[in-house]
C-alpha atoms as a PDB file:
ATOM      1  CA  MET A   1     -23.635  14.165   0.566  1.00  0.00           C
ATOM      2  CA  HIS A   2     -21.720  11.687  -0.713  1.00  0.00           C
ATOM      3  CA  ALA A   3     -17.667  11.625  -1.664  1.00  0.00           C
ATOM      4  CA  PRO A   4     -16.660  10.441  -4.924  1.00  0.00           C
ATOM      5  CA  PRO A   5     -16.112   6.905  -5.456  1.00  0.00           C
ATOM      6  CA  ASP A   6     -12.530   7.373  -6.201  1.00  0.00           C
ATOM      7  CA  GLU A   7     -11.699   8.895  -2.879  1.00  0.00           C
ATOM      8  CA  PRO A   8     -11.110   6.372   0.098  1.00  0.00           C
ATOM      9  CA  PRO A   9     -13.559   6.603   3.007  1.00  0.00           C
ATOM     10  CA  PRO A  10     -13.125   8.537   5.862  1.00  0.00           C
ATOM     11  CA  ALA A  11     -10.100   6.658   8.063  1.00  0.00           C
ATOM     12  CA  ALA A  12     -11.667   4.983  11.334  1.00  0.00           C
ATOM     13  CA  PRO A  13     -10.145   6.846  14.451  1.00  0.00           C
ATOM     14  CA  VAL A  14      -6.947   4.935  15.649  1.00  0.00           C
ATOM     15  CA  ALA A  15      -7.155   3.578  19.178  1.00  0.00           C
ATOM     16  CA  ASP A  16      -4.350   4.563  21.084  1.00  0.00           C
ATOM     17  CA  GLY A  17      -3.836   1.720  23.247  1.00  0.00           C
ATOM     18  CA  PRO A  18      -1.297  -1.278  23.698  1.00  0.00           C
ATOM     19  CA  ALA A  19      -2.157  -3.164  20.867  1.00  0.00           C
ATOM     20  CA  GLU A  20      -1.507   0.183  18.669  1.00  0.00           C
ATOM     21  CA  GLY A  21       1.852   0.698  20.633  1.00  0.00           C
ATOM     22  CA  PHE A  22       2.935  -2.379  19.876  1.00  0.00           C
ATOM     23  CA  ARG A  23       1.778  -1.989  16.030  1.00  0.00           C
ATOM     24  CA  ARG A  24       3.503   0.674  15.755  1.00  0.00           C
ATOM     25  CA  PHE A  25       6.759  -0.380  17.474  1.00  0.00           C
ATOM     26  CA  ALA A  26       6.644  -3.519  15.724  1.00  0.00           C
ATOM     27  CA  PHE A  27       6.245  -1.438  11.922  1.00  0.00           C
ATOM     28  CA  TRP A  28       9.193   0.587  12.929  1.00  0.00           C
ATOM     29  CA  VAL A  29      11.465  -2.294  14.253  1.00  0.00           C
ATOM     30  CA  ALA A  30      10.901  -4.203  11.106  1.00  0.00           C
ATOM     31  CA  GLY A  31      11.669  -1.541   8.946  1.00  0.00           C
ATOM     32  CA  ALA A  32      14.522  -0.575  10.665  1.00  0.00           C
ATOM     33  CA  LEU A  33      15.717  -3.938  10.610  1.00  0.00           C
ATOM     34  CA  GLY A  34      14.917  -4.896   7.532  1.00  0.00           C
ATOM     35  CA  THR A  35      17.859  -2.966   5.947  1.00  0.00           C
ATOM     36  CA  HIS A  36      21.501  -3.277   4.878  1.00  0.00           C
ATOM     37  CA  TRP A  37      22.694  -1.305   7.707  1.00  0.00           C
ATOM     38  CA  ALA A  38      20.982  -3.400  10.180  1.00  0.00           C
ATOM     39  CA  PHE A  39      22.939  -6.635   8.252  1.00  0.00           C
ATOM     40  CA  LEU A  40      25.880  -4.956   8.143  1.00  0.00           C
ATOM     41  CA  ALA A  41      25.862  -4.683  11.704  1.00  0.00           C
ATOM     42  CA  ALA A  42      25.050  -8.077  12.619  1.00  0.00           C
ATOM     43  CA  VAL A  43      28.004  -8.986  10.723  1.00  0.00           C
ATOM     44  CA  LEU A  44      30.054  -6.677  12.722  1.00  0.00           C
ATOM     45  CA  VAL A  45      28.760  -8.162  15.803  1.00  0.00           C
ATOM     46  CA  VAL A  46      29.731 -11.439  15.006  1.00  0.00           C
ATOM     47  CA  VAL A  47      32.892 -10.262  13.776  1.00  0.00           C
ATOM     48  CA  GLY A  48      33.699  -8.417  17.244  1.00  0.00           C
ATOM     49  CA  TRP A  49      32.651 -11.280  18.892  1.00  0.00           C
ATOM     50  CA  ALA A  50      34.817 -13.947  16.803  1.00  0.00           C
ATOM     51  CA  VAL A  51      37.818 -11.380  17.127  1.00  0.00           C
ATOM     52  CA  THR A  52      37.386 -11.267  20.803  1.00  0.00           C
ATOM     53  CA  GLY A  53      37.654 -15.171  20.923  1.00  0.00           C
ATOM     54  CA  PRO A  54      41.520 -15.522  21.672  1.00  0.00           C
ATOM     55  CA  LEU A  55      41.079 -12.750  24.474  1.00  0.00           C
ATOM     56  CA  PHE A  56      38.566 -15.196  26.472  1.00  0.00           C
ATOM     57  CA  HIS A  57      40.073 -18.357  25.218  1.00  0.00           C
ATOM     58  CA  PHE A  58      37.224 -19.370  22.850  1.00  0.00           C
ATOM     59  CA  GLY A  59      36.129 -20.572  26.531  1.00  0.00           C
ATOM     60  CA  GLU A  60      32.334 -21.349  27.457  1.00  0.00           C
ATOM     61  CA  GLN A  61      31.535 -17.752  28.567  1.00  0.00           C
ATOM     62  CA  TRP A  62      32.612 -16.140  25.554  1.00  0.00           C
ATOM     63  CA  GLN A  63      30.154 -18.802  23.181  1.00  0.00           C
ATOM     64  CA  LEU A  64      27.576 -18.525  25.955  1.00  0.00           C
ATOM     65  CA  VAL A  65      27.568 -14.657  25.087  1.00  0.00           C
ATOM     66  CA  ILE A  66      26.881 -15.126  21.427  1.00  0.00           C
ATOM     67  CA  ASN A  67      24.458 -18.407  21.855  1.00  0.00           C
ATOM     68  CA  THR A  68      22.220 -15.969  24.588  1.00  0.00           C
ATOM     69  CA  GLY A  69      22.189 -13.158  22.418  1.00  0.00           C
ATOM     70  CA  THR A  70      20.915 -14.668  19.361  1.00  0.00           C
ATOM     71  CA  THR A  71      18.825 -16.579  21.110  1.00  0.00           C
ATOM     72  CA  ILE A  72      16.954 -13.964  23.087  1.00  0.00           C
ATOM     73  CA  ILE A  73      17.060 -11.700  19.678  1.00  0.00           C
ATOM     74  CA  THR A  74      15.570 -14.659  17.691  1.00  0.00           C
ATOM     75  CA  PHE A  75      13.129 -15.095  20.006  1.00  0.00           C
ATOM     76  CA  LEU A  76      11.972 -11.282  20.361  1.00  0.00           C
ATOM     77  CA  MET A  77      11.769 -11.303  16.417  1.00  0.00           C
ATOM     78  CA  VAL A  78       9.923 -13.754  15.722  1.00  0.00           C
ATOM     79  CA  PHE A  79       6.822 -11.920  17.543  1.00  0.00           C
ATOM     80  CA  ILE A  80       7.817  -8.443  15.364  1.00  0.00           C
ATOM     81  CA  ILE A  81       8.107 -10.437  12.671  1.00  0.00           C
ATOM     82  CA  GLN A  82       4.853 -12.526  12.793  1.00  0.00           C
ATOM     83  CA  THR A  83       2.927  -9.388  13.780  1.00  0.00           C
ATOM     84  CA  THR A  84       3.706  -7.639  10.572  1.00  0.00           C
ATOM     85  CA  GLN A  85       3.322 -10.777   8.081  1.00  0.00           C
ATOM     86  CA  ASN A  86      -0.223 -11.111  10.049  1.00  0.00           C
ATOM     87  CA  ARG A  87      -0.776  -7.472   9.272  1.00  0.00           C
ATOM     88  CA  ASP A  88       0.285  -7.524   5.779  1.00  0.00           C
ATOM     89  CA  GLY A  89      -1.525 -10.896   4.900  1.00  0.00           C
ATOM     90  CA  ARG A  90      -4.715  -9.142   6.374  1.00  0.00           C
ATOM     91  CA  ALA A  91      -4.246  -5.686   4.264  1.00  0.00           C
ATOM     92  CA  ILE A  92      -3.528  -7.784   0.710  1.00  0.00           C
ATOM     93  CA  GLN A  93      -6.650 -10.487   1.909  1.00  0.00           C
ATOM     94  CA  LEU A  94      -8.866  -7.214   2.235  1.00  0.00           C
ATOM     95  CA  LYS A  95      -7.359  -5.421  -1.362  1.00  0.00           C
ATOM     96  CA  LEU A  96      -8.032  -8.428  -2.679  1.00  0.00           C
ATOM     97  CA  ASP A  97     -11.792  -8.675  -1.682  1.00  0.00           C
ATOM     98  CA  GLU A  98     -12.137  -5.301  -2.721  1.00  0.00           C
ATOM     99  CA  LEU A  99     -10.801  -5.932  -6.193  1.00  0.00           C
ATOM    100  CA  ILE A 100     -13.347  -9.000  -6.078  1.00  0.00           C
ATOM    101  CA  ARG A 101     -16.231  -7.323  -4.698  1.00  0.00           C
ATOM    102  CA  SER A 102     -15.817  -4.581  -7.540  1.00  0.00           C
ATOM    103  CA  SER A 103     -15.300  -6.683 -10.424  1.00  0.00           C
ATOM    104  CA  LYS A 104     -17.070  -9.446 -12.348  1.00  0.00           C
ATOM    105  CA  ALA A 105     -15.254 -12.239 -10.403  1.00  0.00           C
ATOM    106  CA  ARG A 106     -17.617 -14.547  -8.155  1.00  0.00           C
ATOM    107  CA  ASN A 107     -18.141 -12.625  -5.058  1.00  0.00           C
ATOM    108  CA  ALA A 108     -17.469 -16.235  -3.296  1.00  0.00           C
ATOM    109  CA  PHE A 109     -13.852 -15.684  -3.361  1.00  0.00           C
ATOM    110  CA  ALA A 110     -14.073 -12.876  -1.196  1.00  0.00           C
ATOM    111  CA  ASP A 111     -13.229 -13.982   2.220  1.00  0.00           C
ATOM    112  CA  LEU A 112     -11.867 -17.027   0.890  1.00  0.00           C
ATOM    113  CA  GLU A 113      -9.062 -17.334   3.480  1.00  0.00           C
ATOM    114  CA  HIS A 114     -11.803 -18.121   6.207  1.00  0.00           C
ATOM    115  CA  ALA A 115     -12.938 -21.177   4.056  1.00  0.00           C
ATOM    116  CA  THR A 116     -12.881 -24.770   5.236  1.00  0.00           C
ATOM    117  CA  ASP A 117     -10.840 -27.267   3.954  1.00  0.00           C
ATOM    118  CA  GLN A 118     -13.287 -28.664   1.937  1.00  0.00           C
ATOM    119  CA  GLU A 119     -14.354 -25.597   0.384  1.00  0.00           C
ATOM    120  CA  LEU A 120     -11.172 -25.186  -0.775  1.00  0.00           C
ATOM    121  CA  ASP A 121     -10.466 -28.343  -2.133  1.00  0.00           C
ATOM    122  CA  THR A 122     -13.833 -28.261  -4.424  1.00  0.00           C
ATOM    123  CA  LEU A 123     -12.531 -24.787  -5.431  1.00  0.00           C
ATOM    124  CA  GLN A 124      -9.198 -26.223  -6.604  1.00  0.00           C
ATOM    125  CA  ARG A 125     -10.440 -29.091  -8.144  1.00  0.00           C
ATOM    126  CA  GLU A 126     -12.808 -26.784 -10.210  1.00  0.00           C
ATOM    127  CA  PHE A 127      -9.964 -24.202 -11.464  1.00  0.00           C
ATOM    128  CA  SER A 128      -8.098 -27.810 -12.062  1.00  0.00           C
ATOM    129  CA  SER A 129     -10.537 -28.877 -14.360  1.00  0.00           C
ATOM    130  CA  LEU A 130     -10.608 -25.169 -15.534  1.00  0.00           C
ATOM    131  CA  ARG A 131      -7.184 -25.575 -16.698  1.00  0.00           C
ATOM    132  CA  ARG A 132      -7.008 -29.050 -17.913  1.00  0.00           C
ATOM    133  CA  GLN A 133     -10.176 -27.625 -20.429  1.00  0.00           C
ATOM    134  CA  GLY A 134      -7.645 -25.163 -21.141  1.00  0.00           C
ATOM    135  CA  VAL A 135      -4.934 -26.552 -21.971  1.00  0.00           C
ATOM    136  CA  GLU A 136      -6.760 -29.294 -24.204  1.00  0.00           C
ATOM    137  CA  ALA A 137      -7.958 -26.300 -25.898  1.00  0.00           C
ATOM    138  CA  GLY A 138      -4.696 -24.966 -26.418  1.00  0.00           C
ATOM    139  CA  ASN A 139      -3.163 -28.275 -27.654  1.00  0.00           C
ATOM    140  CA  ALA A 140      -6.631 -28.121 -30.397  1.00  0.00           C
ATOM    141  CA  PHE A 141      -5.436 -24.701 -31.254  1.00  0.00           C
ATOM    142  CA  ALA A 142      -2.043 -25.561 -31.789  1.00  0.00           C
ATOM    143  CA  ARG A 143      -2.976 -29.231 -33.430  1.00  0.00           C
ATOM    144  CA  ALA A 144      -5.185 -26.852 -35.991  1.00  0.00           C
ATOM    145  CA  GLN A 145      -2.484 -24.458 -36.512  1.00  0.00           C
ATOM    146  CA  ARG A 146      -0.060 -27.410 -37.310  1.00  0.00           C
ATOM    147  CA  VAL A 147      -2.400 -29.197 -40.040  1.00  0.00           C
ATOM    148  CA  ALA A 148      -2.706 -25.513 -41.301  1.00  0.00           C
ATOM    149  CA  ARG A 149       0.468 -25.196 -42.399  1.00  0.00           C
ATOM    150  CA  GLU A 150       1.516 -28.679 -43.271  1.00  0.00           C
ATOM    151  CA  GLN A 151      -1.228 -28.111 -46.068  1.00  0.00           C
ATOM    152  CA  PRO A 152      -0.187 -27.798 -49.398  1.00  0.00           C
ATOM    153  CA  ARG A 153      -0.877 -24.365 -50.706  1.00  0.00           C
ATOM    154  CA  THR A 154      -2.989 -24.180 -54.364  1.00  0.00           C
ATOM    155  CA  ARG A 155      -2.094 -20.700 -54.883  1.00  0.00           C
ATOM    156  CA  GLU A 156       0.693 -18.109 -53.875  1.00  0.00           C
ATOM    157  CA  PRO A 157      -0.783 -16.187 -50.955  1.00  0.00           C
ATOM    158  CA  GLY A 158      -1.800 -12.603 -51.746  1.00  0.00           C
ATOM    159  CA  GLN A 159      -3.048 -13.866 -55.265  1.00  0.00           C
ATOM    160  CA  PRO A 160      -7.219 -14.047 -55.957  1.00  0.00           C
ATOM    161  CA  SER A 161      -8.767 -17.186 -56.239  1.00  0.00           C
ATOM    162  CA  LYS A 162      -9.702 -18.518 -59.749  1.00  0.00           C
END
């Protein structure tokens, strides 16, 4: 018995290992730190650090605290952001591939992110040519409309011709 076409296929079993744990962690961190509350917390940390400057005479240790902290956080966030971006990009590509597969578009466009640079250049030239043709056709249409507007009318609109 087949499922109706509008229902999604059954979900594949989720592997529960280090990769899945990291994916969940990265998703949670990206969601939590991509909020206005996280930005406000970061601003408060910087303001708190700046306020303590006079207590530490704006010394090297005081500067080292913020430099080290921000460097470590930035280093770790690069991996979190890259993981979530890679996953989002992959999901978008799969959605586009499904739209291409289910439409009248050329199936050659599915999985295009894995095409060679030469293949992409060929497609780019094809679409540039199509765009030029469309612009030229649009310009010809606009010229025809302009000519039609500029021609003198021999009768009033809505009156029968003689």
